[in-house]
N, C-alpha and C. Protein backbone atom coordinates (compact mmCIF):
# COMPACT_ATOMS: atom_id res chain seq x y z
N MET A 1 -112.20 -62.10 -107.85
CA MET A 1 -112.51 -62.04 -106.69
C MET A 1 -111.73 -61.78 -105.97
N PRO A 2 -111.74 -61.39 -104.53
CA PRO A 2 -110.83 -60.59 -103.40
C PRO A 2 -109.92 -61.26 -103.27
N LYS A 3 -108.25 -61.01 -102.52
CA LYS A 3 -107.24 -61.82 -102.43
C LYS A 3 -107.62 -62.06 -101.24
N SER A 4 -107.12 -62.92 -100.68
CA SER A 4 -107.61 -63.09 -98.81
C SER A 4 -106.36 -62.42 -98.30
N ALA A 5 -106.14 -62.12 -97.04
CA ALA A 5 -105.29 -60.94 -96.23
C ALA A 5 -104.16 -61.80 -95.84
N PRO A 6 -103.14 -60.85 -95.78
CA PRO A 6 -102.00 -61.82 -95.18
C PRO A 6 -102.28 -62.67 -93.93
N ALA A 7 -101.42 -63.33 -93.75
CA ALA A 7 -101.59 -64.54 -92.62
C ALA A 7 -101.15 -63.88 -91.30
N ASP A 8 -100.15 -63.14 -91.61
CA ASP A 8 -98.96 -62.17 -90.52
C ASP A 8 -100.11 -60.67 -90.65
N PRO A 9 -100.68 -60.33 -89.56
CA PRO A 9 -101.36 -59.25 -89.77
C PRO A 9 -100.29 -57.94 -89.37
N SER A 10 -99.41 -58.19 -88.60
CA SER A 10 -98.85 -57.39 -87.72
C SER A 10 -97.65 -56.27 -88.64
N TRP A 11 -97.82 -56.33 -89.65
CA TRP A 11 -97.35 -55.39 -90.56
C TRP A 11 -97.94 -54.14 -90.85
N ARG A 12 -99.13 -53.98 -90.58
CA ARG A 12 -99.69 -53.11 -90.40
C ARG A 12 -99.65 -51.78 -89.22
N GLN A 13 -99.10 -52.72 -88.17
CA GLN A 13 -98.52 -52.18 -87.07
C GLN A 13 -97.13 -51.61 -86.96
N THR A 14 -96.26 -52.06 -87.93
CA THR A 14 -94.89 -52.00 -87.78
C THR A 14 -94.30 -51.58 -89.30
N HIS A 15 -95.41 -51.25 -89.78
CA HIS A 15 -94.40 -50.66 -91.01
C HIS A 15 -93.51 -49.09 -91.44
N LEU A 16 -92.87 -48.94 -91.86
CA LEU A 16 -92.10 -47.57 -91.81
C LEU A 16 -93.18 -46.67 -91.69
N GLY A 17 -93.92 -46.17 -92.24
CA GLY A 17 -94.41 -45.25 -92.30
C GLY A 17 -95.28 -45.01 -91.06
N ARG A 18 -95.44 -46.26 -90.45
CA ARG A 18 -96.33 -46.12 -89.17
C ARG A 18 -95.17 -45.82 -87.88
N LEU A 19 -94.00 -46.28 -88.03
CA LEU A 19 -93.10 -45.75 -86.98
C LEU A 19 -92.69 -44.66 -87.45
N LEU A 20 -92.58 -44.20 -88.72
CA LEU A 20 -92.16 -42.40 -88.41
C LEU A 20 -93.08 -41.67 -88.58
N GLY A 21 -94.37 -41.76 -88.74
CA GLY A 21 -95.33 -41.13 -87.70
C GLY A 21 -95.18 -41.05 -86.49
N HIS A 22 -94.98 -42.63 -85.49
CA HIS A 22 -94.83 -42.57 -83.82
C HIS A 22 -93.67 -41.82 -83.70
N ALA A 23 -92.15 -42.22 -84.47
CA ALA A 23 -91.31 -41.27 -84.05
C ALA A 23 -91.57 -39.62 -84.03
N MET A 24 -92.59 -39.30 -84.96
CA MET A 24 -92.37 -37.50 -85.25
C MET A 24 -93.67 -37.21 -84.05
N ARG A 25 -94.35 -37.79 -84.01
CA ARG A 25 -95.17 -37.19 -82.65
C ARG A 25 -94.39 -37.50 -81.46
N ARG A 26 -93.78 -38.34 -81.03
CA ARG A 26 -92.81 -38.31 -79.71
C ARG A 26 -92.05 -37.23 -80.25
N PHE A 27 -91.01 -37.25 -81.10
CA PHE A 27 -90.28 -35.97 -80.80
C PHE A 27 -91.12 -34.36 -81.05
N ASP A 28 -92.01 -34.42 -81.32
CA ASP A 28 -92.83 -33.27 -81.42
C ASP A 28 -93.08 -33.10 -80.11
N GLU A 29 -93.97 -33.92 -79.21
CA GLU A 29 -94.48 -33.71 -78.41
C GLU A 29 -93.31 -33.68 -77.41
N ARG A 30 -92.31 -34.18 -77.45
CA ARG A 30 -90.84 -33.70 -76.47
C ARG A 30 -90.67 -32.12 -76.75
N VAL A 31 -90.60 -31.77 -77.72
CA VAL A 31 -89.84 -30.32 -78.13
C VAL A 31 -91.11 -29.54 -77.42
N LEU A 32 -92.38 -29.85 -77.86
CA LEU A 32 -93.77 -28.79 -76.73
C LEU A 32 -93.51 -28.92 -75.54
N GLU A 33 -93.26 -30.47 -74.75
CA GLU A 33 -92.42 -30.59 -73.79
C GLU A 33 -91.36 -29.58 -72.89
N LEU A 34 -90.53 -29.43 -73.54
CA LEU A 34 -89.46 -28.70 -73.40
C LEU A 34 -89.71 -27.09 -73.31
N MET A 35 -90.06 -26.90 -75.18
CA MET A 35 -90.47 -25.50 -74.63
C MET A 35 -91.55 -25.01 -73.25
N ALA A 36 -92.62 -25.83 -73.39
CA ALA A 36 -93.54 -25.18 -71.89
C ALA A 36 -92.05 -25.17 -70.42
N ARG A 37 -91.30 -25.55 -70.31
CA ARG A 37 -90.59 -25.36 -69.43
C ARG A 37 -89.31 -24.12 -69.31
N ASN A 38 -89.49 -23.72 -70.55
CA ASN A 38 -88.07 -22.83 -70.91
C ASN A 38 -88.31 -21.53 -70.46
N ILE A 39 -87.97 -20.96 -69.67
CA ILE A 39 -88.33 -19.89 -69.07
C ILE A 39 -88.11 -18.66 -69.17
N ASP A 40 -87.76 -18.72 -70.84
CA ASP A 40 -87.81 -17.50 -71.33
C ASP A 40 -89.33 -17.37 -72.42
N VAL A 41 -89.96 -18.50 -72.50
CA VAL A 41 -91.31 -18.40 -73.00
C VAL A 41 -91.98 -17.70 -71.81
N PRO A 42 -92.91 -16.77 -72.62
CA PRO A 42 -93.66 -16.40 -71.56
C PRO A 42 -94.83 -17.27 -70.72
N LEU A 43 -95.11 -16.70 -69.43
CA LEU A 43 -95.94 -18.11 -68.89
C LEU A 43 -97.26 -18.42 -69.37
N ALA A 44 -97.76 -17.56 -70.03
CA ALA A 44 -99.43 -17.78 -70.86
C ALA A 44 -98.94 -18.76 -72.21
N LEU A 45 -98.05 -18.64 -72.34
CA LEU A 45 -97.78 -19.76 -73.77
C LEU A 45 -97.04 -20.70 -73.21
N SER A 46 -96.09 -20.91 -71.99
CA SER A 46 -95.68 -21.68 -71.31
C SER A 46 -97.07 -22.76 -70.84
N ASN A 47 -98.03 -22.01 -70.07
CA ASN A 47 -99.17 -23.02 -70.12
C ASN A 47 -100.01 -23.55 -70.48
N LEU A 48 -99.70 -22.65 -71.84
CA LEU A 48 -100.53 -23.50 -73.39
C LEU A 48 -100.21 -24.86 -73.98
N ALA A 49 -98.71 -24.50 -73.63
CA ALA A 49 -98.22 -25.68 -74.19
C ALA A 49 -97.91 -26.86 -73.30
N ALA A 50 -98.08 -26.53 -71.80
CA ALA A 50 -98.16 -27.86 -70.94
C ALA A 50 -99.47 -28.18 -71.10
N ARG A 51 -100.66 -27.51 -71.11
CA ARG A 51 -101.75 -28.47 -71.45
C ARG A 51 -102.24 -28.85 -72.75
N ALA A 52 -101.00 -28.87 -73.59
CA ALA A 52 -101.80 -29.45 -74.59
C ALA A 52 -102.30 -28.62 -76.04
N GLN A 53 -102.47 -27.41 -75.44
CA GLN A 53 -103.00 -26.09 -76.26
C GLN A 53 -102.55 -26.32 -77.61
N VAL A 54 -101.14 -25.86 -77.63
CA VAL A 54 -100.48 -26.49 -78.57
C VAL A 54 -100.13 -27.15 -79.44
N SER A 55 -100.04 -27.01 -80.41
CA SER A 55 -100.24 -28.53 -81.20
C SER A 55 -98.49 -28.65 -82.12
N ALA A 56 -98.77 -29.85 -82.76
CA ALA A 56 -97.74 -29.61 -83.87
C ALA A 56 -98.05 -29.04 -84.99
N ALA A 57 -99.33 -28.92 -85.21
CA ALA A 57 -99.58 -28.05 -86.18
C ALA A 57 -99.52 -26.39 -86.00
N HIS A 58 -99.30 -26.18 -84.66
CA HIS A 58 -98.55 -24.58 -84.24
C HIS A 58 -97.21 -24.32 -84.57
N VAL A 59 -96.28 -25.72 -84.46
CA VAL A 59 -95.33 -25.92 -84.74
C VAL A 59 -94.58 -25.50 -85.98
N HIS A 60 -95.78 -25.38 -87.27
CA HIS A 60 -95.14 -25.75 -88.71
C HIS A 60 -94.67 -24.20 -88.72
N ILE A 61 -95.78 -23.24 -87.84
CA ILE A 61 -95.60 -21.68 -88.28
C ILE A 61 -93.98 -21.46 -87.87
N THR A 62 -93.95 -22.01 -86.56
CA THR A 62 -92.64 -21.97 -85.71
C THR A 62 -91.36 -22.40 -87.04
N ARG A 63 -91.88 -23.54 -87.86
CA ARG A 63 -90.88 -24.16 -88.28
C ARG A 63 -90.55 -23.54 -89.72
N HIS A 64 -91.61 -22.49 -90.18
CA HIS A 64 -91.32 -22.31 -91.73
C HIS A 64 -91.40 -20.84 -92.01
N LEU A 65 -91.80 -20.16 -90.53
CA LEU A 65 -92.13 -18.76 -90.70
C LEU A 65 -90.83 -18.21 -90.34
N ALA A 66 -90.17 -17.41 -92.00
CA ALA A 66 -88.93 -16.94 -92.26
C ALA A 66 -88.73 -15.78 -91.08
N PRO A 67 -87.67 -15.32 -90.36
CA PRO A 67 -87.02 -14.45 -89.31
C PRO A 67 -87.67 -13.06 -89.71
N GLU A 68 -87.38 -12.97 -91.38
CA GLU A 68 -87.80 -11.62 -91.83
C GLU A 68 -89.34 -11.48 -92.33
N GLY A 69 -90.02 -12.69 -91.92
CA GLY A 69 -91.44 -12.87 -92.40
C GLY A 69 -91.64 -13.43 -93.73
N SER A 70 -92.62 -13.96 -93.73
CA SER A 70 -93.22 -14.28 -95.08
C SER A 70 -94.82 -14.20 -95.21
N ARG A 71 -94.86 -14.59 -96.75
CA ARG A 71 -96.09 -14.13 -97.17
C ARG A 71 -96.99 -15.57 -96.93
N LEU A 72 -98.24 -15.18 -96.41
CA LEU A 72 -99.39 -16.03 -95.80
C LEU A 72 -99.18 -17.27 -96.69
N THR A 73 -99.41 -17.16 -98.15
CA THR A 73 -99.58 -18.59 -99.23
C THR A 73 -98.32 -18.86 -99.37
N ASP A 74 -97.27 -18.42 -99.06
CA ASP A 74 -95.90 -19.19 -98.88
C ASP A 74 -95.71 -19.80 -98.06
N LEU A 75 -96.09 -19.43 -96.91
CA LEU A 75 -96.24 -19.88 -95.30
C LEU A 75 -96.79 -21.43 -95.64
N ALA A 76 -97.89 -21.51 -95.79
CA ALA A 76 -99.25 -22.31 -95.97
C ALA A 76 -98.51 -23.44 -96.96
N GLN A 77 -97.83 -23.07 -98.25
CA GLN A 77 -97.31 -24.05 -99.34
C GLN A 77 -96.33 -24.91 -98.48
N GLN A 78 -95.50 -23.99 -97.98
CA GLN A 78 -94.17 -24.80 -97.22
C GLN A 78 -94.41 -25.82 -96.21
N ALA A 79 -95.45 -25.48 -95.55
CA ALA A 79 -95.92 -26.41 -94.15
C ALA A 79 -96.77 -27.78 -95.18
N GLY A 80 -97.36 -27.73 -96.44
CA GLY A 80 -98.11 -28.36 -96.95
C GLY A 80 -99.26 -28.56 -96.54
N MET A 81 -100.07 -27.09 -96.05
CA MET A 81 -101.49 -26.80 -95.74
C MET A 81 -102.35 -25.82 -96.53
N SER A 82 -103.61 -26.00 -96.62
CA SER A 82 -104.21 -24.87 -97.28
C SER A 82 -104.16 -23.62 -96.75
N LYS A 83 -104.39 -22.60 -97.38
CA LYS A 83 -104.13 -21.15 -97.22
C LYS A 83 -105.09 -20.73 -96.21
N GLN A 84 -106.11 -21.70 -96.25
CA GLN A 84 -107.22 -21.26 -95.24
C GLN A 84 -106.72 -22.08 -93.77
N ALA A 85 -106.31 -23.29 -93.54
CA ALA A 85 -105.97 -23.60 -92.53
C ALA A 85 -104.58 -23.02 -91.86
N MET A 86 -103.70 -22.42 -92.82
CA MET A 86 -102.78 -21.87 -92.38
C MET A 86 -103.23 -20.58 -91.53
N GLY A 87 -104.33 -20.03 -92.41
CA GLY A 87 -104.88 -18.45 -91.60
C GLY A 87 -105.52 -18.84 -90.48
N ASP A 88 -106.12 -20.33 -90.22
CA ASP A 88 -106.63 -19.98 -88.84
C ASP A 88 -105.52 -20.77 -87.63
N LEU A 89 -104.02 -21.13 -88.17
CA LEU A 89 -103.33 -21.03 -87.35
C LEU A 89 -102.76 -19.81 -86.86
N VAL A 90 -102.61 -18.86 -87.98
CA VAL A 90 -101.97 -17.84 -87.76
C VAL A 90 -102.88 -17.17 -87.27
N ASP A 91 -104.07 -17.24 -86.92
CA ASP A 91 -104.98 -16.05 -86.15
C ASP A 91 -105.08 -16.24 -85.00
N GLN A 92 -105.04 -17.82 -84.51
CA GLN A 92 -104.71 -18.17 -83.16
C GLN A 92 -103.45 -17.88 -82.69
N CYS A 93 -102.22 -18.22 -83.48
CA CYS A 93 -100.71 -17.19 -83.04
C CYS A 93 -100.81 -15.98 -82.85
N GLU A 94 -101.79 -15.63 -83.47
CA GLU A 94 -101.94 -13.81 -83.24
C GLU A 94 -102.25 -13.41 -82.35
N ALA A 95 -103.46 -14.23 -81.60
CA ALA A 95 -104.19 -13.82 -80.70
C ALA A 95 -103.17 -14.38 -79.38
N TRP A 96 -101.84 -15.34 -79.75
CA TRP A 96 -101.29 -15.24 -78.43
C TRP A 96 -99.87 -15.08 -78.14
N GLY A 97 -99.90 -13.56 -79.34
CA GLY A 97 -99.11 -12.70 -79.55
C GLY A 97 -97.81 -13.30 -80.27
N LEU A 98 -97.53 -14.52 -80.59
CA LEU A 98 -96.38 -15.11 -81.11
C LEU A 98 -96.69 -13.71 -82.61
N VAL A 99 -97.13 -13.77 -84.00
CA VAL A 99 -97.10 -13.07 -85.08
C VAL A 99 -97.79 -11.93 -85.11
N THR A 100 -97.97 -11.21 -86.10
CA THR A 100 -98.61 -10.29 -86.14
C THR A 100 -98.36 -10.39 -87.98
N ARG A 101 -99.50 -9.65 -88.52
CA ARG A 101 -99.80 -9.47 -89.89
C ARG A 101 -100.01 -8.14 -90.36
N GLU A 102 -99.30 -7.88 -91.47
CA GLU A 102 -99.20 -6.72 -92.13
C GLU A 102 -99.41 -6.84 -93.64
N ALA A 103 -99.88 -5.64 -94.14
CA ALA A 103 -100.38 -5.47 -95.09
C ALA A 103 -99.16 -5.46 -96.21
N ASP A 104 -99.23 -5.88 -97.37
CA ASP A 104 -97.83 -6.09 -98.33
C ASP A 104 -97.93 -4.68 -98.85
N THR A 105 -97.00 -4.00 -99.15
CA THR A 105 -97.39 -2.87 -99.50
C THR A 105 -96.86 -2.99 -101.03
N ARG A 106 -96.70 -4.07 -101.72
CA ARG A 106 -96.13 -4.58 -103.36
C ARG A 106 -97.86 -4.94 -103.62
N ASP A 107 -98.45 -5.65 -102.67
CA ASP A 107 -99.70 -6.16 -103.30
C ASP A 107 -101.00 -6.24 -102.01
N ARG A 108 -101.46 -5.18 -102.19
CA ARG A 108 -102.71 -4.90 -101.14
C ARG A 108 -103.45 -6.77 -100.93
N ARG A 109 -103.78 -7.42 -101.88
CA ARG A 109 -104.28 -8.68 -101.34
C ARG A 109 -103.86 -9.54 -100.52
N ALA A 110 -102.33 -9.21 -100.59
CA ALA A 110 -101.42 -10.36 -99.59
C ALA A 110 -101.51 -9.84 -97.96
N ARG A 111 -100.81 -10.59 -97.68
CA ARG A 111 -100.75 -9.92 -96.10
C ARG A 111 -99.36 -11.07 -95.71
N TRP A 112 -98.66 -10.23 -94.69
CA TRP A 112 -96.98 -10.73 -94.43
C TRP A 112 -97.48 -11.27 -93.30
N VAL A 113 -96.82 -12.23 -92.83
CA VAL A 113 -96.85 -12.76 -91.48
C VAL A 113 -95.16 -12.59 -90.79
N ARG A 114 -95.62 -11.99 -89.55
CA ARG A 114 -93.95 -11.59 -88.89
C ARG A 114 -94.15 -12.06 -87.63
N PHE A 115 -92.86 -12.96 -87.08
CA PHE A 115 -92.91 -12.57 -85.72
C PHE A 115 -92.83 -11.34 -84.74
N THR A 116 -93.62 -11.63 -83.76
CA THR A 116 -93.62 -10.24 -82.48
C THR A 116 -92.13 -10.62 -82.17
N PRO A 117 -91.70 -9.60 -81.22
CA PRO A 117 -90.76 -10.20 -80.21
C PRO A 117 -90.62 -11.46 -78.91
N THR A 118 -92.43 -11.21 -78.70
CA THR A 118 -92.83 -12.44 -77.90
C THR A 118 -92.47 -13.81 -78.45
N GLY A 119 -93.05 -14.04 -80.29
CA GLY A 119 -92.43 -14.70 -81.01
C GLY A 119 -91.22 -15.41 -81.46
N LEU A 120 -90.51 -14.52 -81.40
CA LEU A 120 -88.83 -14.42 -81.50
C LEU A 120 -88.27 -15.30 -80.24
N LEU A 121 -88.60 -15.06 -78.92
CA LEU A 121 -88.59 -16.27 -77.64
C LEU A 121 -88.97 -17.22 -77.95
N TRP A 122 -90.19 -17.34 -78.79
CA TRP A 122 -90.63 -18.91 -78.92
C TRP A 122 -89.86 -19.19 -79.48
N LEU A 123 -89.57 -18.73 -81.12
CA LEU A 123 -88.57 -19.37 -81.98
C LEU A 123 -87.07 -19.80 -81.36
N GLU A 124 -86.49 -18.95 -80.22
CA GLU A 124 -85.42 -19.51 -79.85
C GLU A 124 -85.72 -20.39 -79.12
N ALA A 125 -86.88 -20.70 -78.00
CA ALA A 125 -86.78 -21.72 -77.09
C ALA A 125 -87.11 -23.07 -78.12
N PHE A 126 -87.74 -22.79 -79.36
CA PHE A 126 -88.28 -23.66 -80.23
C PHE A 126 -86.65 -24.62 -80.67
N ARG A 127 -85.79 -24.00 -80.90
CA ARG A 127 -84.26 -23.99 -81.59
C ARG A 127 -83.80 -24.61 -80.39
N GLN A 128 -84.00 -24.50 -79.04
CA GLN A 128 -83.19 -25.27 -77.52
C GLN A 128 -83.74 -26.24 -77.89
N ALA A 129 -85.15 -26.55 -77.34
CA ALA A 129 -85.63 -27.83 -77.47
C ALA A 129 -85.42 -28.68 -78.41
N VAL A 130 -85.56 -28.26 -79.97
CA VAL A 130 -85.46 -29.29 -81.25
C VAL A 130 -83.83 -29.45 -80.73
N ALA A 131 -82.91 -29.59 -80.52
CA ALA A 131 -81.60 -29.22 -79.88
C ALA A 131 -81.41 -30.31 -78.97
N GLN A 132 -82.27 -30.24 -78.17
CA GLN A 132 -82.15 -31.09 -76.57
C GLN A 132 -82.78 -32.34 -76.84
N ALA A 133 -84.46 -31.82 -78.01
CA ALA A 133 -84.29 -33.81 -78.22
C ALA A 133 -83.69 -34.26 -78.92
N GLU A 134 -83.21 -33.64 -79.86
CA GLU A 134 -82.36 -34.12 -80.89
C GLU A 134 -80.72 -35.04 -79.93
N ALA A 135 -80.46 -34.30 -79.14
CA ALA A 135 -79.21 -34.88 -78.36
C ALA A 135 -79.91 -36.08 -77.35
N GLU A 136 -81.26 -36.01 -76.78
CA GLU A 136 -82.19 -36.91 -76.09
C GLU A 136 -82.05 -38.39 -77.49
N PHE A 137 -82.24 -38.31 -78.50
CA PHE A 137 -82.65 -39.07 -79.44
C PHE A 137 -81.30 -39.98 -79.70
N ARG A 138 -79.97 -39.28 -79.96
CA ARG A 138 -78.67 -39.55 -79.67
C ARG A 138 -78.41 -40.51 -78.60
N GLN A 139 -78.84 -40.01 -77.37
CA GLN A 139 -78.41 -40.90 -76.07
C GLN A 139 -79.24 -42.04 -76.57
N GLU A 140 -80.69 -41.78 -76.69
CA GLU A 140 -81.22 -43.41 -76.82
C GLU A 140 -80.67 -44.12 -77.65
N VAL A 141 -80.24 -44.08 -78.59
CA VAL A 141 -80.16 -45.07 -79.73
C VAL A 141 -78.75 -45.07 -80.37
N GLY A 142 -78.07 -44.10 -79.28
CA GLY A 142 -76.93 -43.93 -79.62
C GLY A 142 -76.23 -43.59 -81.02
N ALA A 143 -74.92 -43.08 -81.07
CA ALA A 143 -74.62 -42.31 -82.03
C ALA A 143 -74.51 -42.66 -83.37
N GLU A 144 -74.03 -43.61 -83.71
CA GLU A 144 -74.41 -44.29 -84.98
C GLU A 144 -75.21 -44.35 -85.34
N VAL A 145 -76.69 -45.25 -84.96
CA VAL A 145 -77.79 -45.39 -85.31
C VAL A 145 -78.47 -43.90 -85.82
N ALA A 146 -77.96 -43.43 -84.69
CA ALA A 146 -78.69 -41.25 -84.75
C ALA A 146 -77.95 -41.22 -86.16
N THR A 147 -76.38 -41.44 -86.71
CA THR A 147 -76.04 -40.62 -87.86
C THR A 147 -76.55 -41.54 -89.35
N VAL A 148 -76.68 -42.51 -89.06
CA VAL A 148 -77.57 -43.53 -89.90
C VAL A 148 -79.02 -42.79 -90.44
N VAL A 149 -79.75 -42.73 -89.21
CA VAL A 149 -81.56 -42.84 -88.91
C VAL A 149 -81.46 -41.42 -89.85
N THR A 150 -80.31 -40.30 -89.13
CA THR A 150 -80.59 -38.93 -89.83
C THR A 150 -80.09 -39.12 -91.47
N LEU A 151 -78.94 -39.60 -91.95
CA LEU A 151 -78.69 -39.60 -93.40
C LEU A 151 -79.73 -40.23 -94.25
N GLY A 152 -80.39 -41.62 -93.38
CA GLY A 152 -81.24 -42.22 -94.16
C GLY A 152 -82.62 -41.19 -94.52
N LEU A 153 -83.26 -40.51 -93.60
CA LEU A 153 -84.31 -39.56 -93.38
C LEU A 153 -84.08 -38.17 -94.78
N GLU A 154 -82.92 -38.07 -94.57
CA GLU A 154 -82.08 -36.62 -95.17
C GLU A 154 -82.22 -37.27 -96.88
N ALA A 155 -81.83 -38.63 -97.07
CA ALA A 155 -81.95 -39.15 -98.37
C ALA A 155 -83.69 -39.32 -98.68
N TYR A 156 -84.23 -39.83 -98.08
CA TYR A 156 -85.77 -40.44 -98.11
C TYR A 156 -86.35 -38.98 -98.57
N ALA A 157 -86.27 -38.10 -97.58
CA ALA A 157 -86.83 -36.67 -97.89
C ALA A 157 -86.75 -36.15 -98.97
N GLY A 158 -85.45 -36.02 -99.21
CA GLY A 158 -84.83 -35.65 -100.58
C GLY A 158 -85.28 -35.95 -101.91
N GLY A 159 -86.16 -37.18 -101.70
CA GLY A 159 -86.00 -37.72 -102.91
C GLY A 159 -87.24 -37.67 -103.28
N GLY A 160 -88.01 -37.08 -102.39
CA GLY A 160 -89.66 -36.75 -103.34
C GLY A 160 -90.19 -36.12 -103.94
């Protein structure tokens, strides 16, 4: 016999996982909004970000691609994505001029993904946008709360 539902269903809207998800979406949206306004980001990319054509998924490449380049399989693994899904994102970012793919001289089957000069501008805009979004978070919740949240999230994320 199934158990009855809890008397107060509000937990479904306010549990930690849902709050973390909302906070992450809000933070990523703010980062993309700031990047869209960055004068160092090429106009075409600014327009894509402003029209929400660049998503948080595209930011995975920005977060995980090493400055010297990464193998596609390593990039996918670090982002927690399938190789095929990451390949699709790389295709799009390559079309936008953010990255290039090059053959791996040590393994013909492997491909290296590297930032283009435009991609490096994008990476710097990402760094600046993250710093500003973090500063805004600190201002909104207060320095002490922001520090506790950061320490708690670091501990939680590192424990898994």
